Amino acid sequence: MALPTNSMRFMSGPAEEDIQLYDIIVYEHINGSLYIHRVVRIEEPNEEHPNERFFLFQGDANSY
Protein backbone atom coordinates (compact mmCIF):
# COMPACT_ATOMS: atom_id res chain seq x y z
CA MET A 1 0.00 0.00 0.00
CA ALA A 2 1.40 3.40 -0.96
CA LEU A 3 1.81 6.07 1.68
CA PRO A 4 -0.06 9.32 1.21
CA THR A 5 1.89 12.43 0.22
CA ASN A 6 3.68 14.02 3.19
CA SER A 7 3.17 10.94 5.35
CA MET A 8 6.83 10.93 6.43
CA ARG A 9 9.26 13.57 7.54
CA PHE A 10 12.94 13.53 8.42
CA MET A 11 13.37 14.23 12.12
CA SER A 12 17.07 15.03 12.32
CA GLY A 13 20.36 13.89 10.97
CA PRO A 14 21.97 14.31 7.57
CA ALA A 15 20.54 16.42 4.81
CA GLU A 16 18.41 14.45 2.37
CA GLU A 17 21.07 14.75 -0.34
CA ASP A 18 23.61 13.08 1.99
CA ILE A 19 21.53 9.91 2.48
CA GLN A 20 23.10 6.93 0.74
CA LEU A 21 22.05 3.44 -0.23
CA TYR A 22 21.93 1.05 2.78
CA ASP A 23 21.96 3.86 5.36
CA ILE A 24 19.76 3.19 8.38
CA ILE A 25 17.02 5.79 8.76
CA VAL A 26 14.63 6.58 11.61
CA TYR A 27 11.45 8.27 10.44
CA GLU A 28 8.09 9.19 11.89
CA HIS A 29 4.97 7.95 10.13
CA ILE A 30 1.97 10.27 9.84
CA ASN A 31 0.32 8.23 12.65
CA GLY A 32 3.18 9.15 15.02
CA SER A 33 4.89 5.75 15.01
CA LEU A 34 8.68 5.68 14.64
CA TYR A 35 10.25 3.27 12.15
CA ILE A 36 13.86 2.19 11.77
CA HIS A 37 14.51 0.95 8.25
CA ARG A 38 17.36 0.65 5.79
CA VAL A 39 17.48 2.53 2.47
CA VAL A 40 17.32 -0.19 -0.21
CA ARG A 41 16.70 2.00 -3.26
CA ILE A 42 17.17 5.62 -4.20
CA GLU A 43 15.54 7.17 -7.24
CA GLU A 44 17.20 10.42 -8.18
CA PRO A 45 15.26 13.31 -9.72
CA ASN A 46 14.19 12.53 -13.28
CA GLU A 47 11.59 13.54 -15.86
CA GLU A 48 8.75 12.09 -13.77
CA HIS A 49 9.78 13.92 -10.58
CA PRO A 50 12.39 16.54 -11.51
CA ASN A 51 12.63 18.17 -8.07
CA GLU A 52 12.30 15.14 -5.79
CA ARG A 53 14.50 12.28 -4.67
CA PHE A 54 12.58 9.10 -3.74
CA PHE A 55 13.66 6.48 -1.20
CA LEU A 56 12.56 2.90 -0.68
CA PHE A 57 12.97 1.68 2.90
CA GLN A 58 12.82 -1.85 4.25
CA GLY A 59 13.18 -3.30 7.72
CA ASP A 60 16.20 -5.53 8.27
CA ALA A 61 13.95 -8.38 9.42
CA ASN A 62 12.63 -8.55 5.84
CA SER A 63 14.62 -9.99 2.94
CA TYR A 64 15.37 -7.78 -0.03
C-alpha atoms as a PDB file:
ATOM      1  CA  MET A   1       0.000   0.000   0.000  1.00  0.00           C
ATOM      2  CA  ALA A   2       1.398   3.399  -0.960  1.00  0.00           C
ATOM      3  CA  LEU A   3       1.810   6.067   1.681  1.00  0.00           C
ATOM      4  CA  PRO A   4      -0.056   9.321   1.208  1.00  0.00           C
ATOM      5  CA  THR A   5       1.888  12.435   0.217  1.00  0.00           C
ATOM      6  CA  ASN A   6       3.677  14.019   3.189  1.00  0.00           C
ATOM      7  CA  SER A   7       3.169  10.938   5.354  1.00  0.00           C
ATOM      8  CA  MET A   8       6.833  10.933   6.428  1.00  0.00           C
ATOM      9  CA  ARG A   9       9.261  13.565   7.537  1.00  0.00           C
ATOM     10  CA  PHE A  10      12.939  13.526   8.416  1.00  0.00           C
ATOM     11  CA  MET A  11      13.372  14.227  12.124  1.00  0.00           C
ATOM     12  CA  SER A  12      17.073  15.033  12.322  1.00  0.00           C
ATOM     13  CA  GLY A  13      20.361  13.887  10.968  1.00  0.00           C
ATOM     14  CA  PRO A  14      21.971  14.308   7.568  1.00  0.00           C
ATOM     15  CA  ALA A  15      20.540  16.420   4.814  1.00  0.00           C
ATOM     16  CA  GLU A  16      18.409  14.455   2.369  1.00  0.00           C
ATOM     17  CA  GLU A  17      21.075  14.748  -0.342  1.00  0.00           C
ATOM     18  CA  ASP A  18      23.608  13.076   1.992  1.00  0.00           C
ATOM     19  CA  ILE A  19      21.528   9.907   2.480  1.00  0.00           C
ATOM     20  CA  GLN A  20      23.104   6.934   0.736  1.00  0.00           C
ATOM     21  CA  LEU A  21      22.050   3.436  -0.231  1.00  0.00           C
ATOM     22  CA  TYR A  22      21.934   1.047   2.777  1.00  0.00           C
ATOM     23  CA  ASP A  23      21.962   3.861   5.360  1.00  0.00           C
ATOM     24  CA  ILE A  24      19.757   3.194   8.379  1.00  0.00           C
ATOM     25  CA  ILE A  25      17.019   5.785   8.761  1.00  0.00           C
ATOM     26  CA  VAL A  26      14.626   6.584  11.611  1.00  0.00           C
ATOM     27  CA  TYR A  27      11.451   8.275  10.445  1.00  0.00           C
ATOM     28  CA  GLU A  28       8.086   9.195  11.888  1.00  0.00           C
ATOM     29  CA  HIS A  29       4.967   7.946  10.125  1.00  0.00           C
ATOM     30  CA  ILE A  30       1.973  10.273   9.838  1.00  0.00           C
ATOM     31  CA  ASN A  31       0.320   8.226  12.646  1.00  0.00           C
ATOM     32  CA  GLY A  32       3.177   9.148  15.018  1.00  0.00           C
ATOM     33  CA  SER A  33       4.892   5.751  15.012  1.00  0.00           C
ATOM     34  CA  LEU A  34       8.677   5.684  14.643  1.00  0.00           C
ATOM     35  CA  TYR A  35      10.246   3.272  12.153  1.00  0.00           C
ATOM     36  CA  ILE A  36      13.856   2.189  11.770  1.00  0.00           C
ATOM     37  CA  HIS A  37      14.514   0.948   8.253  1.00  0.00           C
ATOM     38  CA  ARG A  38      17.363   0.646   5.792  1.00  0.00           C
ATOM     39  CA  VAL A  39      17.478   2.528   2.467  1.00  0.00           C
ATOM     40  CA  VAL A  40      17.320  -0.191  -0.206  1.00  0.00           C
ATOM     41  CA  ARG A  41      16.702   1.997  -3.260  1.00  0.00           C
ATOM     42  CA  ILE A  42      17.167   5.624  -4.198  1.00  0.00           C
ATOM     43  CA  GLU A  43      15.541   7.172  -7.239  1.00  0.00           C
ATOM     44  CA  GLU A  44      17.205  10.425  -8.180  1.00  0.00           C
ATOM     45  CA  PRO A  45      15.257  13.311  -9.724  1.00  0.00           C
ATOM     46  CA  ASN A  46      14.194  12.525 -13.285  1.00  0.00           C
ATOM     47  CA  GLU A  47      11.591  13.536 -15.865  1.00  0.00           C
ATOM     48  CA  GLU A  48       8.745  12.086 -13.768  1.00  0.00           C
ATOM     49  CA  HIS A  49       9.779  13.921 -10.577  1.00  0.00           C
ATOM     50  CA  PRO A  50      12.389  16.537 -11.508  1.00  0.00           C
ATOM     51  CA  ASN A  51      12.635  18.165  -8.074  1.00  0.00           C
ATOM     52  CA  GLU A  52      12.300  15.144  -5.789  1.00  0.00           C
ATOM     53  CA  ARG A  53      14.498  12.275  -4.672  1.00  0.00           C
ATOM     54  CA  PHE A  54      12.575   9.099  -3.745  1.00  0.00           C
ATOM     55  CA  PHE A  55      13.662   6.480  -1.199  1.00  0.00           C
ATOM     56  CA  LEU A  56      12.561   2.897  -0.682  1.00  0.00           C
ATOM     57  CA  PHE A  57      12.973   1.680   2.902  1.00  0.00           C
ATOM     58  CA  GLN A  58      12.822  -1.851   4.250  1.00  0.00           C
ATOM     59  CA  GLY A  59      13.179  -3.299   7.718  1.00  0.00           C
ATOM     60  CA  ASP A  60      16.198  -5.533   8.271  1.00  0.00           C
ATOM     61  CA  ALA A  61      13.954  -8.377   9.416  1.00  0.00           C
ATOM     62  CA  ASN A  62      12.630  -8.552   5.837  1.00  0.00           C
ATOM     63  CA  SER A  63      14.616  -9.994   2.945  1.00  0.00           C
ATOM     64  CA  TYR A  64      15.374  -7.779  -0.034  1.00  0.00           C
END
